[in-house]
Every structure is written in C-alpha cells, then in structure tokens.
Amino acid sequence: DFHTLTVDGVPVAHQFCARYQGTSF
C-alpha cells in the first residue's frame, strides 16, 4: 500500500504501508 499525493502533477506527500490479513500497517 504505497500511495502518492500529487498536486497539479507534482508529488507532495507519500505514505508507505504494508497490507496484510485485513490491516494496513
């Protein structure tokens, strides 16, 4: 679960998670 927030196409924030057995860590 690795997501990036872009504003007008530019990355401004990231969050790196691991999803396992129904939980995102």
mmCIF file of all heavy atoms, coordinates in Angstrom:
data_MODEL
# 
_entry.id   MODEL 
# 
loop_
_atom_site.group_PDB 
_atom_site.id 
_atom_site.type_symbol 
_atom_site.label_atom_id 
_atom_site.label_alt_id 
_atom_site.label_comp_id 
_atom_site.label_asym_id 
_atom_site.label_entity_id 
_atom_site.label_seq_id 
_atom_site.pdbx_PDB_ins_code 
_atom_site.Cartn_x 
_atom_site.Cartn_y 
_atom_site.Cartn_z 
_atom_site.occupancy 
_atom_site.B_iso_or_equiv 
_atom_site.pdbx_formal_charge 
_atom_site.auth_seq_id 
_atom_site.auth_comp_id 
_atom_site.auth_asym_id 
_atom_site.auth_atom_id 
_atom_site.pdbx_PDB_model_num 
ATOM 1   N N   . ASP A 1 1  ? 0.869  -1.173  0.000   1.00 0.00 ? 1  ASP A N   1 
ATOM 2   C CA  . ASP A 1 1  ? 0.000  0.000   0.000   1.00 0.00 ? 1  ASP A CA  1 
ATOM 3   C C   . ASP A 1 1  ? 0.911  1.230   0.000   1.00 0.00 ? 1  ASP A C   1 
ATOM 4   O O   . ASP A 1 1  ? 1.244  1.772   1.054   1.00 0.00 ? 1  ASP A O   1 
ATOM 5   C CB  . ASP A 1 1  ? -0.889 0.022   1.259   1.00 0.00 ? 1  ASP A CB  1 
ATOM 6   C CG  . ASP A 1 1  ? -2.209 -0.690  1.068   1.00 0.00 ? 1  ASP A CG  1 
ATOM 7   O OD1 . ASP A 1 1  ? -2.585 -0.953  -0.087  1.00 0.00 ? 1  ASP A OD1 1 
ATOM 8   O OD2 . ASP A 1 1  ? -2.868 -0.981  2.078   1.00 0.00 ? 1  ASP A OD2 1 
ATOM 9   N N   . PHE A 1 2  ? 1.340  1.641   -1.162  1.00 0.00 ? 2  PHE A N   1 
ATOM 10  C CA  . PHE A 1 2  ? 2.282  2.757   -1.296  1.00 0.00 ? 2  PHE A CA  1 
ATOM 11  C C   . PHE A 1 2  ? 1.603  3.804   -2.174  1.00 0.00 ? 2  PHE A C   1 
ATOM 12  O O   . PHE A 1 2  ? 1.369  3.581   -3.362  1.00 0.00 ? 2  PHE A O   1 
ATOM 13  C CB  . PHE A 1 2  ? 3.581  2.257   -1.923  1.00 0.00 ? 2  PHE A CB  1 
ATOM 14  C CG  . PHE A 1 2  ? 4.726  3.236   -1.942  1.00 0.00 ? 2  PHE A CG  1 
ATOM 15  C CD1 . PHE A 1 2  ? 4.692  4.424   -1.219  1.00 0.00 ? 2  PHE A CD1 1 
ATOM 16  C CD2 . PHE A 1 2  ? 5.869  2.955   -2.685  1.00 0.00 ? 2  PHE A CD2 1 
ATOM 17  C CE1 . PHE A 1 2  ? 5.746  5.308   -1.227  1.00 0.00 ? 2  PHE A CE1 1 
ATOM 18  C CE2 . PHE A 1 2  ? 6.943  3.835   -2.707  1.00 0.00 ? 2  PHE A CE2 1 
ATOM 19  C CZ  . PHE A 1 2  ? 6.878  5.007   -1.984  1.00 0.00 ? 2  PHE A CZ  1 
ATOM 20  N N   . HIS A 1 3  ? 1.259  4.949   -1.574  1.00 0.00 ? 3  HIS A N   1 
ATOM 21  C CA  . HIS A 1 3  ? 0.474  5.957   -2.276  1.00 0.00 ? 3  HIS A CA  1 
ATOM 22  C C   . HIS A 1 3  ? 1.183  7.312   -2.271  1.00 0.00 ? 3  HIS A C   1 
ATOM 23  O O   . HIS A 1 3  ? 1.874  7.666   -1.310  1.00 0.00 ? 3  HIS A O   1 
ATOM 24  C CB  . HIS A 1 3  ? -0.906 6.115   -1.639  1.00 0.00 ? 3  HIS A CB  1 
ATOM 25  C CG  . HIS A 1 3  ? -1.794 4.929   -1.825  1.00 0.00 ? 3  HIS A CG  1 
ATOM 26  N ND1 . HIS A 1 3  ? -1.791 3.854   -0.962  1.00 0.00 ? 3  HIS A ND1 1 
ATOM 27  C CD2 . HIS A 1 3  ? -2.721 4.651   -2.784  1.00 0.00 ? 3  HIS A CD2 1 
ATOM 28  C CE1 . HIS A 1 3  ? -2.684 2.963   -1.380  1.00 0.00 ? 3  HIS A CE1 1 
ATOM 29  N NE2 . HIS A 1 3  ? -3.251 3.420   -2.471  1.00 0.00 ? 3  HIS A NE2 1 
ATOM 30  N N   . THR A 1 4  ? 0.940  8.049   -3.340  1.00 0.00 ? 4  THR A N   1 
ATOM 31  C CA  . THR A 1 4  ? 1.483  9.395   -3.509  1.00 0.00 ? 4  THR A CA  1 
ATOM 32  C C   . THR A 1 4  ? 0.339  10.377  -3.702  1.00 0.00 ? 4  THR A C   1 
ATOM 33  O O   . THR A 1 4  ? -0.608 10.104  -4.451  1.00 0.00 ? 4  THR A O   1 
ATOM 34  C CB  . THR A 1 4  ? 2.407  9.457   -4.739  1.00 0.00 ? 4  THR A CB  1 
ATOM 35  O OG1 . THR A 1 4  ? 3.486  8.532   -4.557  1.00 0.00 ? 4  THR A OG1 1 
ATOM 36  C CG2 . THR A 1 4  ? 2.955  10.857  -4.942  1.00 0.00 ? 4  THR A CG2 1 
ATOM 37  N N   . LEU A 1 5  ? 0.436  11.512  -3.034  1.00 0.00 ? 5  LEU A N   1 
ATOM 38  C CA  . LEU A 1 5  ? -0.490 12.612  -3.265  1.00 0.00 ? 5  LEU A CA  1 
ATOM 39  C C   . LEU A 1 5  ? 0.191  13.592  -4.206  1.00 0.00 ? 5  LEU A C   1 
ATOM 40  O O   . LEU A 1 5  ? 1.272  14.103  -3.901  1.00 0.00 ? 5  LEU A O   1 
ATOM 41  C CB  . LEU A 1 5  ? -0.844 13.302  -1.947  1.00 0.00 ? 5  LEU A CB  1 
ATOM 42  C CG  . LEU A 1 5  ? -1.841 14.459  -2.054  1.00 0.00 ? 5  LEU A CG  1 
ATOM 43  C CD1 . LEU A 1 5  ? -3.244 13.936  -2.359  1.00 0.00 ? 5  LEU A CD1 1 
ATOM 44  C CD2 . LEU A 1 5  ? -1.856 15.276  -0.762  1.00 0.00 ? 5  LEU A CD2 1 
ATOM 45  N N   . THR A 1 6  ? -0.429 13.840  -5.367  1.00 0.00 ? 6  THR A N   1 
ATOM 46  C CA  . THR A 1 6  ? 0.109  14.824  -6.293  1.00 0.00 ? 6  THR A CA  1 
ATOM 47  C C   . THR A 1 6  ? -0.819 16.028  -6.351  1.00 0.00 ? 6  THR A C   1 
ATOM 48  O O   . THR A 1 6  ? -2.043 15.895  -6.267  1.00 0.00 ? 6  THR A O   1 
ATOM 49  C CB  . THR A 1 6  ? 0.281  14.248  -7.717  1.00 0.00 ? 6  THR A CB  1 
ATOM 50  O OG1 . THR A 1 6  ? -0.997 13.964  -8.279  1.00 0.00 ? 6  THR A OG1 1 
ATOM 51  C CG2 . THR A 1 6  ? 1.124  12.984  -7.694  1.00 0.00 ? 6  THR A CG2 1 
ATOM 52  N N   . VAL A 1 7  ? -0.223 17.193  -6.496  1.00 0.00 ? 7  VAL A N   1 
ATOM 53  C CA  . VAL A 1 7  ? -0.967 18.436  -6.685  1.00 0.00 ? 7  VAL A CA  1 
ATOM 54  C C   . VAL A 1 7  ? -0.494 19.030  -8.008  1.00 0.00 ? 7  VAL A C   1 
ATOM 55  O O   . VAL A 1 7  ? 0.692  19.335  -8.167  1.00 0.00 ? 7  VAL A O   1 
ATOM 56  C CB  . VAL A 1 7  ? -0.748 19.423  -5.529  1.00 0.00 ? 7  VAL A CB  1 
ATOM 57  C CG1 . VAL A 1 7  ? -1.470 20.728  -5.800  1.00 0.00 ? 7  VAL A CG1 1 
ATOM 58  C CG2 . VAL A 1 7  ? -1.220 18.813  -4.213  1.00 0.00 ? 7  VAL A CG2 1 
ATOM 59  N N   . ASP A 1 8  ? -1.400 19.137  -8.945  1.00 0.00 ? 8  ASP A N   1 
ATOM 60  C CA  . ASP A 1 8  ? -1.079 19.605  -10.301 1.00 0.00 ? 8  ASP A CA  1 
ATOM 61  C C   . ASP A 1 8  ? 0.077  18.795  -10.889 1.00 0.00 ? 8  ASP A C   1 
ATOM 62  O O   . ASP A 1 8  ? 0.994  19.333  -11.535 1.00 0.00 ? 8  ASP A O   1 
ATOM 63  C CB  . ASP A 1 8  ? -0.743 21.096  -10.300 1.00 0.00 ? 8  ASP A CB  1 
ATOM 64  C CG  . ASP A 1 8  ? -1.941 21.961  -9.912  1.00 0.00 ? 8  ASP A CG  1 
ATOM 65  O OD1 . ASP A 1 8  ? -3.078 21.532  -10.170 1.00 0.00 ? 8  ASP A OD1 1 
ATOM 66  O OD2 . ASP A 1 8  ? -1.729 23.046  -9.334  1.00 0.00 ? 8  ASP A OD2 1 
ATOM 67  N N   . GLY A 1 9  ? 0.039  17.479  -10.619 1.00 0.00 ? 9  GLY A N   1 
ATOM 68  C CA  . GLY A 1 9  ? 1.014  16.559  -11.189 1.00 0.00 ? 9  GLY A CA  1 
ATOM 69  C C   . GLY A 1 9  ? 2.314  16.435  -10.446 1.00 0.00 ? 9  GLY A C   1 
ATOM 70  O O   . GLY A 1 9  ? 3.177  15.630  -10.834 1.00 0.00 ? 9  GLY A O   1 
ATOM 71  N N   . VAL A 1 10 ? 2.504  17.184  -9.368  1.00 0.00 ? 10 VAL A N   1 
ATOM 72  C CA  . VAL A 1 10 ? 3.765  17.174  -8.614  1.00 0.00 ? 10 VAL A CA  1 
ATOM 73  C C   . VAL A 1 10 ? 3.577  16.400  -7.305  1.00 0.00 ? 10 VAL A C   1 
ATOM 74  O O   . VAL A 1 10 ? 2.645  16.695  -6.546  1.00 0.00 ? 10 VAL A O   1 
ATOM 75  C CB  . VAL A 1 10 ? 4.237  18.605  -8.307  1.00 0.00 ? 10 VAL A CB  1 
ATOM 76  C CG1 . VAL A 1 10 ? 5.525  18.584  -7.481  1.00 0.00 ? 10 VAL A CG1 1 
ATOM 77  C CG2 . VAL A 1 10 ? 4.437  19.378  -9.597  1.00 0.00 ? 10 VAL A CG2 1 
ATOM 78  N N   . PRO A 1 11 ? 4.446  15.409  -6.994  1.00 0.00 ? 11 PRO A N   1 
ATOM 79  C CA  . PRO A 1 11 ? 4.321  14.682  -5.722  1.00 0.00 ? 11 PRO A CA  1 
ATOM 80  C C   . PRO A 1 11 ? 4.596  15.603  -4.534  1.00 0.00 ? 11 PRO A C   1 
ATOM 81  O O   . PRO A 1 11 ? 5.631  16.277  -4.491  1.00 0.00 ? 11 PRO A O   1 
ATOM 82  C CB  . PRO A 1 11 ? 5.397  13.594  -5.823  1.00 0.00 ? 11 PRO A CB  1 
ATOM 83  C CG  . PRO A 1 11 ? 5.733  13.497  -7.277  1.00 0.00 ? 11 PRO A CG  1 
ATOM 84  C CD  . PRO A 1 11 ? 5.528  14.875  -7.836  1.00 0.00 ? 11 PRO A CD  1 
ATOM 85  N N   . VAL A 1 12 ? 3.663  15.632  -3.575  1.00 0.00 ? 12 VAL A N   1 
ATOM 86  C CA  . VAL A 1 12 ? 3.856  16.464  -2.390  1.00 0.00 ? 12 VAL A CA  1 
ATOM 87  C C   . VAL A 1 12 ? 3.834  15.644  -1.102  1.00 0.00 ? 12 VAL A C   1 
ATOM 88  O O   . VAL A 1 12 ? 4.221  16.152  -0.045  1.00 0.00 ? 12 VAL A O   1 
ATOM 89  C CB  . VAL A 1 12 ? 2.793  17.583  -2.303  1.00 0.00 ? 12 VAL A CB  1 
ATOM 90  C CG1 . VAL A 1 12 ? 2.916  18.525  -3.498  1.00 0.00 ? 12 VAL A CG1 1 
ATOM 91  C CG2 . VAL A 1 12 ? 1.387  17.013  -2.214  1.00 0.00 ? 12 VAL A CG2 1 
ATOM 92  N N   . ALA A 1 13 ? 3.395  14.388  -1.169  1.00 0.00 ? 13 ALA A N   1 
ATOM 93  C CA  . ALA A 1 13 ? 3.365  13.546  0.037   1.00 0.00 ? 13 ALA A CA  1 
ATOM 94  C C   . ALA A 1 13 ? 3.300  12.087  -0.383  1.00 0.00 ? 13 ALA A C   1 
ATOM 95  O O   . ALA A 1 13 ? 2.720  11.732  -1.422  1.00 0.00 ? 13 ALA A O   1 
ATOM 96  C CB  . ALA A 1 13 ? 2.161  13.897  0.916   1.00 0.00 ? 13 ALA A CB  1 
ATOM 97  N N   . HIS A 1 14 ? 3.923  11.238  0.437   1.00 0.00 ? 14 HIS A N   1 
ATOM 98  C CA  . HIS A 1 14 ? 3.922  9.788   0.209   1.00 0.00 ? 14 HIS A CA  1 
ATOM 99  C C   . HIS A 1 14 ? 3.580  9.071   1.506   1.00 0.00 ? 14 HIS A C   1 
ATOM 100 O O   . HIS A 1 14 ? 3.888  9.555   2.599   1.00 0.00 ? 14 HIS A O   1 
ATOM 101 C CB  . HIS A 1 14 ? 5.297  9.291   -0.243  1.00 0.00 ? 14 HIS A CB  1 
ATOM 102 C CG  . HIS A 1 14 ? 5.806  9.898   -1.502  1.00 0.00 ? 14 HIS A CG  1 
ATOM 103 N ND1 . HIS A 1 14 ? 5.356  9.552   -2.746  1.00 0.00 ? 14 HIS A ND1 1 
ATOM 104 C CD2 . HIS A 1 14 ? 6.775  10.841  -1.706  1.00 0.00 ? 14 HIS A CD2 1 
ATOM 105 C CE1 . HIS A 1 14 ? 6.006  10.238  -3.671  1.00 0.00 ? 14 HIS A CE1 1 
ATOM 106 N NE2 . HIS A 1 14 ? 6.869  11.032  -3.058  1.00 0.00 ? 14 HIS A NE2 1 
ATOM 107 N N   . GLN A 1 15 ? 3.005  7.891   1.368   1.00 0.00 ? 15 GLN A N   1 
ATOM 108 C CA  . GLN A 1 15 ? 2.784  7.016   2.524   1.00 0.00 ? 15 GLN A CA  1 
ATOM 109 C C   . GLN A 1 15 ? 3.033  5.574   2.097   1.00 0.00 ? 15 GLN A C   1 
ATOM 110 O O   . GLN A 1 15 ? 2.428  5.089   1.136   1.00 0.00 ? 15 GLN A O   1 
ATOM 111 C CB  . GLN A 1 15 ? 1.371  7.174   3.063   1.00 0.00 ? 15 GLN A CB  1 
ATOM 112 C CG  . GLN A 1 15 ? 1.191  6.557   4.442   1.00 0.00 ? 15 GLN A CG  1 
ATOM 113 C CD  . GLN A 1 15 ? -0.167 6.866   5.026   1.00 0.00 ? 15 GLN A CD  1 
ATOM 114 O OE1 . GLN A 1 15 ? -0.993 5.980   5.173   1.00 0.00 ? 15 GLN A OE1 1 
ATOM 115 N NE2 . GLN A 1 15 ? -0.400 8.126   5.363   1.00 0.00 ? 15 GLN A NE2 1 
ATOM 116 N N   . PHE A 1 16 ? 3.944  4.917   2.813   1.00 0.00 ? 16 PHE A N   1 
ATOM 117 C CA  . PHE A 1 16 ? 4.356  3.549   2.505   1.00 0.00 ? 16 PHE A CA  1 
ATOM 118 C C   . PHE A 1 16 ? 3.778  2.637   3.588   1.00 0.00 ? 16 PHE A C   1 
ATOM 119 O O   . PHE A 1 16 ? 4.163  2.720   4.756   1.00 0.00 ? 16 PHE A O   1 
ATOM 120 C CB  . PHE A 1 16 ? 5.888  3.468   2.504   1.00 0.00 ? 16 PHE A CB  1 
ATOM 121 C CG  . PHE A 1 16 ? 6.460  2.151   2.041   1.00 0.00 ? 16 PHE A CG  1 
ATOM 122 C CD1 . PHE A 1 16 ? 7.103  2.052   0.817   1.00 0.00 ? 16 PHE A CD1 1 
ATOM 123 C CD2 . PHE A 1 16 ? 6.389  1.015   2.835   1.00 0.00 ? 16 PHE A CD2 1 
ATOM 124 C CE1 . PHE A 1 16 ? 7.666  0.847   0.394   1.00 0.00 ? 16 PHE A CE1 1 
ATOM 125 C CE2 . PHE A 1 16 ? 6.933  -0.187  2.427   1.00 0.00 ? 16 PHE A CE2 1 
ATOM 126 C CZ  . PHE A 1 16 ? 7.574  -0.268  1.193   1.00 0.00 ? 16 PHE A CZ  1 
ATOM 127 N N   . CYS A 1 17 ? 2.851  1.774   3.189   1.00 0.00 ? 17 CYS A N   1 
ATOM 128 C CA  . CYS A 1 17 ? 2.205  0.846   4.115   1.00 0.00 ? 17 CYS A CA  1 
ATOM 129 C C   . CYS A 1 17 ? 2.324  -0.585  3.586   1.00 0.00 ? 17 CYS A C   1 
ATOM 130 O O   . CYS A 1 17 ? 2.543  -0.802  2.385   1.00 0.00 ? 17 CYS A O   1 
ATOM 131 C CB  . CYS A 1 17 ? 0.727  1.172   4.295   1.00 0.00 ? 17 CYS A CB  1 
ATOM 132 S SG  . CYS A 1 17 ? 0.367  2.829   4.909   1.00 0.00 ? 17 CYS A SG  1 
ATOM 133 N N   . ALA A 1 18 ? 2.150  -1.532  4.464   1.00 0.00 ? 18 ALA A N   1 
ATOM 134 C CA  . ALA A 1 18 ? 2.055  -2.942  4.092   1.00 0.00 ? 18 ALA A CA  1 
ATOM 135 C C   . ALA A 1 18 ? 0.668  -3.434  4.468   1.00 0.00 ? 18 ALA A C   1 
ATOM 136 O O   . ALA A 1 18 ? 0.235  -3.266  5.613   1.00 0.00 ? 18 ALA A O   1 
ATOM 137 C CB  . ALA A 1 18 ? 3.118  -3.763  4.816   1.00 0.00 ? 18 ALA A CB  1 
ATOM 138 N N   . ARG A 1 19 ? -0.031 -4.026  3.506   1.00 0.00 ? 19 ARG A N   1 
ATOM 139 C CA  . ARG A 1 19 ? -1.365 -4.550  3.778   1.00 0.00 ? 19 ARG A CA  1 
ATOM 140 C C   . ARG A 1 19 ? -1.271 -6.069  3.953   1.00 0.00 ? 19 ARG A C   1 
ATOM 141 O O   . ARG A 1 19 ? -0.780 -6.781  3.074   1.00 0.00 ? 19 ARG A O   1 
ATOM 142 C CB  . ARG A 1 19 ? -2.324 -4.240  2.639   1.00 0.00 ? 19 ARG A CB  1 
ATOM 143 C CG  . ARG A 1 19 ? -3.763 -4.628  2.967   1.00 0.00 ? 19 ARG A CG  1 
ATOM 144 C CD  . ARG A 1 19 ? -4.694 -4.453  1.788   1.00 0.00 ? 19 ARG A CD  1 
ATOM 145 N NE  . ARG A 1 19 ? -4.743 -3.082  1.275   1.00 0.00 ? 19 ARG A NE  1 
ATOM 146 C CZ  . ARG A 1 19 ? -5.656 -2.680  0.404   1.00 0.00 ? 19 ARG A CZ  1 
ATOM 147 N NH1 . ARG A 1 19 ? -6.573 -3.519  -0.060  1.00 0.00 ? 19 ARG A NH1 1 
ATOM 148 N NH2 . ARG A 1 19 ? -5.635 -1.428  -0.019  1.00 0.00 ? 19 ARG A NH2 1 
ATOM 149 N N   . TYR A 1 20 ? -1.751 -6.528  5.099   1.00 0.00 ? 20 TYR A N   1 
ATOM 150 C CA  . TYR A 1 20 ? -1.624 -7.957  5.405   1.00 0.00 ? 20 TYR A CA  1 
ATOM 151 C C   . TYR A 1 20 ? -2.766 -8.377  6.317   1.00 0.00 ? 20 TYR A C   1 
ATOM 152 O O   . TYR A 1 20 ? -3.021 -7.733  7.335   1.00 0.00 ? 20 TYR A O   1 
ATOM 153 C CB  . TYR A 1 20 ? -0.275 -8.216  6.099   1.00 0.00 ? 20 TYR A CB  1 
ATOM 154 C CG  . TYR A 1 20 ? 0.045  -9.669  6.367   1.00 0.00 ? 20 TYR A CG  1 
ATOM 155 C CD1 . TYR A 1 20 ? 0.577  -10.477 5.369   1.00 0.00 ? 20 TYR A CD1 1 
ATOM 156 C CD2 . TYR A 1 20 ? -0.173 -10.223 7.623   1.00 0.00 ? 20 TYR A CD2 1 
ATOM 157 C CE1 . TYR A 1 20 ? 0.881  -11.805 5.622   1.00 0.00 ? 20 TYR A CE1 1 
ATOM 158 C CE2 . TYR A 1 20 ? 0.126  -11.558 7.878   1.00 0.00 ? 20 TYR A CE2 1 
ATOM 159 C CZ  . TYR A 1 20 ? 0.651  -12.341 6.873   1.00 0.00 ? 20 TYR A CZ  1 
ATOM 160 O OH  . TYR A 1 20 ? 0.953  -13.669 7.118   1.00 0.00 ? 20 TYR A OH  1 
ATOM 161 N N   . GLN A 1 21 ? -3.451 -9.448  5.927   1.00 0.00 ? 21 GLN A N   1 
ATOM 162 C CA  . GLN A 1 21 ? -4.519 -10.026 6.737   1.00 0.00 ? 21 GLN A CA  1 
ATOM 163 C C   . GLN A 1 21 ? -5.538 -8.985  7.182   1.00 0.00 ? 21 GLN A C   1 
ATOM 164 O O   . GLN A 1 21 ? -5.945 -8.935  8.347   1.00 0.00 ? 21 GLN A O   1 
ATOM 165 C CB  . GLN A 1 21 ? -3.930 -10.742 7.956   1.00 0.00 ? 21 GLN A CB  1 
ATOM 166 C CG  . GLN A 1 21 ? -2.961 -11.863 7.628   1.00 0.00 ? 21 GLN A CG  1 
ATOM 167 C CD  . GLN A 1 21 ? -3.619 -13.069 6.991   1.00 0.00 ? 21 GLN A CD  1 
ATOM 168 O OE1 . GLN A 1 21 ? -4.332 -12.947 6.013   1.00 0.00 ? 21 GLN A OE1 1 
ATOM 169 N NE2 . GLN A 1 21 ? -3.387 -14.238 7.542   1.00 0.00 ? 21 GLN A NE2 1 
ATOM 170 N N   . GLY A 1 22 ? -5.953 -8.126  6.244   1.00 0.00 ? 22 GLY A N   1 
ATOM 171 C CA  . GLY A 1 22 ? -7.019 -7.184  6.536   1.00 0.00 ? 22 GLY A CA  1 
ATOM 172 C C   . GLY A 1 22 ? -6.628 -5.930  7.282   1.00 0.00 ? 22 GLY A C   1 
ATOM 173 O O   . GLY A 1 22 ? -7.489 -5.152  7.696   1.00 0.00 ? 22 GLY A O   1 
ATOM 174 N N   . THR A 1 23 ? -5.311 -5.693  7.438   1.00 0.00 ? 23 THR A N   1 
ATOM 175 C CA  . THR A 1 23 ? -4.829 -4.488  8.117   1.00 0.00 ? 23 THR A CA  1 
ATOM 176 C C   . THR A 1 23 ? -3.776 -3.818  7.245   1.00 0.00 ? 23 THR A C   1 
ATOM 177 O O   . THR A 1 23 ? -2.936 -4.491  6.642   1.00 0.00 ? 23 THR A O   1 
ATOM 178 C CB  . THR A 1 23 ? -4.215 -4.830  9.486   1.00 0.00 ? 23 THR A CB  1 
ATOM 179 O OG1 . THR A 1 23 ? -5.232 -5.355  10.343  1.00 0.00 ? 23 THR A OG1 1 
ATOM 180 C CG2 . THR A 1 23 ? -3.613 -3.596  10.146  1.00 0.00 ? 23 THR A CG2 1 
ATOM 181 N N   . SER A 1 24 ? -3.828 -2.490  7.175   1.00 0.00 ? 24 SER A N   1 
ATOM 182 C CA  . SER A 1 24 ? -2.779 -1.733  6.506   1.00 0.00 ? 24 SER A CA  1 
ATOM 183 C C   . SER A 1 24 ? -1.882 -1.127  7.585   1.00 0.00 ? 24 SER A C   1 
ATOM 184 O O   . SER A 1 24 ? -2.343 -0.362  8.441   1.00 0.00 ? 24 SER A O   1 
ATOM 185 C CB  . SER A 1 24 ? -3.379 -0.623  5.631   1.00 0.00 ? 24 SER A CB  1 
ATOM 186 O OG  . SER A 1 24 ? -2.380 -0.029  4.826   1.00 0.00 ? 24 SER A OG  1 
ATOM 187 N N   . PHE A 1 25 ? -0.600 -1.495  7.561   1.00 0.00 ? 25 PHE A N   1 
ATOM 188 C CA  . PHE A 1 25 ? 0.368  -1.067  8.576   1.00 0.00 ? 25 PHE A CA  1 
ATOM 189 C C   . PHE A 1 25 ? 1.172  0.120   8.037   1.00 0.00 ? 25 PHE A C   1 
ATOM 190 O O   . PHE A 1 25 ? 1.847  0.009   7.012   1.00 0.00 ? 25 PHE A O   1 
ATOM 191 C CB  . PHE A 1 25 ? 1.327  -2.207  8.922   1.00 0.00 ? 25 PHE A CB  1 
ATOM 192 C CG  . PHE A 1 25 ? 0.660  -3.419  9.512   1.00 0.00 ? 25 PHE A CG  1 
ATOM 193 C CD1 . PHE A 1 25 ? 0.217  -4.448  8.695   1.00 0.00 ? 25 PHE A CD1 1 
ATOM 194 C CD2 . PHE A 1 25 ? 0.473  -3.527  10.880  1.00 0.00 ? 25 PHE A CD2 1 
ATOM 195 C CE1 . PHE A 1 25 ? -0.398 -5.570  9.236   1.00 0.00 ? 25 PHE A CE1 1 
ATOM 196 C CE2 . PHE A 1 25 ? -0.142 -4.642  11.434  1.00 0.00 ? 25 PHE A CE2 1 
ATOM 197 C CZ  . PHE A 1 25 ? -0.582 -5.668  10.610  1.00 0.00 ? 25 PHE A CZ  1 
# 
